[in-house]
């Protein structure tokens, strides 16, 4: 149940990765890549002040405000080999414990190594095996070939293309993807297999 994870977010693990909540100790790793312009080519906006200066991400600007725990999941992607944070992945905008959006970004030096695919498969597995959510949404600029391929390789179904739609703050053509719990169940037996072709993120 999602309520089980309101204050205690899980740690996920794959062959190469640990997927966990970020903390202040991760700032040096994030400084290496989070503000780099190439990450935001198809992101729908430029890097924020906090992304360019990741130490700001861990400072509460209004500590006196009592906030409710968020149902969203915001994880860092840690490469086991080096214990460095090389990416971020999130399930956000969760509605009625039933549907949420997926988002991810990876250090450019680790593109085309299958990192995003490996992380996303583990997150999808968690969502449909450990929570009551029934649907995950994904979006990708049509020009972002790698991100489209990641979603497709993880079993997301392309449901359409929005033409000249607004993606964050940029107008572009983007594809919309979806995965239902039933889609995930139908992929069992093949979903957890390691894909030897790591030609995409």
Protein backbone atom coordinates (compact mmCIF):
# COMPACT_ATOMS: atom_id res chain seq x y z
CA UNK A 1 0.00 0.00 0.00
CA UNK A 2 1.24 3.48 -0.80
CA UNK A 3 0.51 4.64 2.74
CA UNK A 4 3.22 2.23 3.93
CA UNK A 5 5.80 4.31 2.06
CA UNK A 6 4.75 7.84 3.01
CA UNK A 7 7.62 8.35 5.44
CA UNK A 8 9.81 5.33 4.76
CA UNK A 9 10.76 5.10 1.09
CA UNK A 10 12.18 1.76 -0.02
CA UNK A 11 15.66 0.99 -1.28
CA UNK A 12 15.65 -0.96 -4.54
CA UNK A 13 18.54 -2.95 -5.95
CA UNK A 14 19.53 -4.45 -9.31
CA UNK A 15 22.67 -6.19 -10.53
CA UNK A 16 24.51 -2.90 -11.02
CA UNK A 17 22.47 -0.33 -9.15
CA UNK A 18 21.13 0.80 -5.80
CA UNK A 19 18.06 3.02 -6.05
CA UNK A 20 17.57 5.09 -2.92
CA UNK A 21 16.54 8.46 -1.55
CA UNK A 22 19.19 11.14 -1.96
CA UNK A 23 20.77 13.03 0.93
CA UNK A 24 23.19 15.88 1.58
CA UNK A 25 26.20 13.57 1.23
CA UNK A 26 25.32 13.10 -2.43
CA UNK A 27 25.87 16.77 -3.33
CA UNK A 28 29.44 16.27 -4.69
CA UNK A 29 28.22 13.56 -7.06
CA UNK A 30 25.25 15.65 -8.21
CA UNK A 31 27.46 18.66 -8.85
CA UNK A 32 29.30 16.67 -11.51
CA UNK A 33 26.30 16.32 -13.80
CA UNK A 34 22.90 17.56 -12.60
CA UNK A 35 23.33 21.08 -14.01
CA UNK A 36 24.74 20.04 -17.39
CA UNK A 37 22.87 21.56 -20.33
CA UNK A 38 22.68 18.36 -22.42
CA UNK A 39 20.48 16.69 -19.81
CA UNK A 40 17.76 19.29 -20.43
CA UNK A 41 17.76 19.24 -24.25
CA UNK A 42 14.42 17.39 -24.24
CA UNK A 43 13.42 18.03 -20.63
CA UNK A 44 11.05 20.89 -21.44
CA UNK A 45 13.03 23.49 -19.53
CA UNK A 46 16.54 24.52 -18.57
CA UNK A 47 18.27 23.45 -15.37
CA UNK A 48 16.88 25.14 -12.27
CA UNK A 49 18.95 27.05 -9.71
CA UNK A 50 18.75 24.06 -7.41
CA UNK A 51 19.91 21.67 -10.12
CA UNK A 52 22.89 23.89 -10.89
CA UNK A 53 23.59 24.17 -7.17
CA UNK A 54 22.36 20.84 -5.75
CA UNK A 55 23.20 21.75 -2.15
CA UNK A 56 20.09 23.96 -2.34
CA UNK A 57 17.92 20.88 -2.93
CA UNK A 58 18.46 19.84 0.69
CA UNK A 59 17.69 23.20 2.30
CA UNK A 60 14.13 23.78 3.47
CA UNK A 61 13.37 27.41 2.61
CA UNK A 62 10.39 27.40 5.00
CA UNK A 63 11.23 25.05 7.88
CA UNK A 64 8.37 26.41 9.98
CA UNK A 65 5.77 25.01 7.56
CA UNK A 66 4.39 21.63 8.56
CA UNK A 67 4.09 19.53 5.41
CA UNK A 68 2.24 16.30 4.84
CA UNK A 69 4.37 13.35 3.71
CA UNK A 70 4.41 13.04 -0.08
CA UNK A 71 3.26 9.82 -1.74
CA UNK A 72 5.75 10.46 -4.57
CA UNK A 73 8.98 8.50 -4.92
CA UNK A 74 12.17 10.43 -5.71
CA UNK A 75 15.26 8.26 -5.88
CA UNK A 76 18.89 8.60 -6.79
CA UNK A 77 20.50 5.94 -8.95
CA UNK A 78 23.78 4.74 -7.44
CA UNK A 79 26.30 2.69 -9.41
CA UNK A 80 27.46 -0.13 -7.13
CA UNK A 81 30.88 -0.31 -8.74
CA UNK A 82 31.80 3.23 -7.68
CA UNK A 83 29.12 4.04 -5.07
CA UNK A 84 28.45 7.28 -6.98
CA UNK A 85 25.07 8.83 -7.74
CA UNK A 86 24.81 8.79 -11.54
CA UNK A 87 21.13 9.43 -12.05
CA UNK A 88 17.69 10.15 -10.68
CA UNK A 89 14.36 8.40 -11.20
CA UNK A 90 10.93 9.29 -9.83
CA UNK A 91 7.30 8.28 -9.68
CA UNK A 92 5.48 11.56 -9.21
CA UNK A 93 2.08 13.26 -9.46
CA UNK A 94 0.48 10.17 -7.93
CA UNK A 95 -3.30 10.50 -8.04
CA UNK A 96 -5.62 8.68 -5.64
CA UNK A 97 -2.99 5.97 -5.05
CA UNK A 98 -3.90 4.70 -8.50
CA UNK A 99 -1.86 6.44 -11.21
CA UNK A 100 1.48 8.23 -11.45
CA UNK A 101 4.04 9.58 -13.89
CA UNK A 102 7.56 8.29 -14.41
CA UNK A 103 10.62 10.49 -14.93
CA UNK A 104 14.37 9.88 -15.09
CA UNK A 105 17.71 11.47 -15.97
CA UNK A 106 21.23 10.08 -16.11
CA UNK A 107 24.76 11.48 -15.98
CA UNK A 108 25.69 11.93 -19.69
CA UNK A 109 28.87 9.91 -19.24
CA UNK A 110 26.70 6.88 -18.48
CA UNK A 111 24.35 7.16 -21.44
CA UNK A 112 24.01 4.14 -23.76
CA UNK A 113 24.93 1.65 -21.05
CA UNK A 114 21.44 0.38 -20.24
CA UNK A 115 21.41 2.14 -16.85
CA UNK A 116 18.03 3.84 -17.28
CA UNK A 117 16.38 0.69 -18.59
CA UNK A 118 17.71 -1.33 -15.66
CA UNK A 119 16.53 1.25 -13.12
CA UNK A 120 13.12 1.76 -14.71
CA UNK A 121 12.39 -1.96 -14.83
CA UNK A 122 13.09 -2.24 -11.11
CA UNK A 123 10.90 0.76 -10.31
CA UNK A 124 8.03 -0.62 -12.41
CA UNK A 125 8.39 -3.97 -10.63
CA UNK A 126 8.16 -2.22 -7.26
CA UNK A 127 5.11 -0.17 -8.27
CA UNK A 128 3.06 -3.10 -9.52
CA UNK A 129 4.19 -5.68 -6.95
CA UNK A 130 4.34 -3.58 -3.78
CA UNK A 131 1.70 -0.86 -4.22
CA UNK A 132 -1.91 -0.70 -5.34
CA UNK A 133 -1.18 1.55 -8.31
CA UNK A 134 -2.82 0.48 -11.56
CA UNK A 135 -1.15 2.72 -14.14
CA UNK A 136 2.15 4.46 -14.90
CA UNK A 137 2.44 7.27 -17.46
CA UNK A 138 5.49 8.26 -19.47
CA UNK A 139 6.21 11.12 -21.87
CA UNK A 140 9.09 11.64 -24.29
CA UNK A 141 9.88 14.28 -26.88
CA UNK A 142 9.68 12.58 -30.28
CA UNK A 143 13.26 13.71 -30.96
CA UNK A 144 14.52 11.97 -27.84
CA UNK A 145 15.09 8.59 -29.45
CA UNK A 146 16.86 7.10 -26.43
CA UNK A 147 14.08 7.93 -23.96
CA UNK A 148 11.39 6.58 -26.28
CA UNK A 149 13.36 3.35 -26.62
CA UNK A 150 13.78 3.05 -22.85
CA UNK A 151 10.02 3.22 -22.30
CA UNK A 152 9.31 0.72 -25.08
CA UNK A 153 11.98 -1.71 -23.90
CA UNK A 154 10.45 -1.62 -20.41
CA UNK A 155 7.03 -2.58 -21.77
CA UNK A 156 5.30 0.79 -21.93
CA UNK A 157 2.75 1.07 -24.72
CA UNK A 158 2.78 4.10 -26.98
CA UNK A 159 -0.73 5.51 -26.80
CA UNK A 160 -0.39 8.53 -29.04
CA UNK A 161 1.52 11.63 -30.05
CA UNK A 162 0.69 15.12 -28.87
CA UNK A 163 1.48 17.57 -31.65
CA UNK A 164 2.86 20.95 -30.63
CA UNK A 165 1.82 20.33 -27.04
CA UNK A 166 3.28 21.94 -23.95
CA UNK A 167 5.84 19.77 -22.21
CA UNK A 168 6.71 21.60 -18.98
CA UNK A 169 7.47 25.01 -20.53
CA UNK A 170 8.34 24.09 -24.12
CA UNK A 171 6.00 23.39 -27.02
CA UNK A 172 6.98 20.31 -28.99
CA UNK A 173 5.70 17.03 -30.37
CA UNK A 174 5.86 14.33 -27.70
CA UNK A 175 4.76 10.73 -27.34
CA UNK A 176 2.62 9.53 -24.48
CA UNK A 177 3.11 6.06 -23.04
CA UNK A 178 1.24 3.99 -20.50
CA UNK A 179 1.62 0.75 -18.60
CA UNK A 180 -1.20 -0.92 -16.71
CA UNK A 181 -0.88 -3.53 -14.01
CA UNK A 182 -2.24 -6.07 -16.51
CA UNK A 183 0.47 -5.12 -19.01
CA UNK A 184 3.11 -5.75 -16.38
CA UNK A 185 1.62 -9.10 -15.41
CA UNK A 186 1.61 -10.19 -19.06
CA UNK A 187 5.34 -9.46 -19.26
CA UNK A 188 6.27 -11.84 -16.45
CA UNK A 189 8.77 -14.48 -17.47
CA UNK A 190 10.62 -12.06 -19.72
CA UNK A 191 10.54 -8.79 -17.81
CA UNK A 192 13.26 -9.55 -15.31
CA UNK A 193 15.66 -11.08 -17.79
CA UNK A 194 18.87 -9.18 -18.41
CA UNK A 195 18.87 -7.70 -21.89
CA UNK A 196 22.32 -8.15 -23.45
CA UNK A 197 21.69 -5.25 -25.85
CA UNK A 198 22.58 -2.11 -23.89
CA UNK A 199 22.50 0.21 -26.88
CA UNK A 200 20.07 2.60 -25.22
CA UNK A 201 20.06 4.48 -21.96
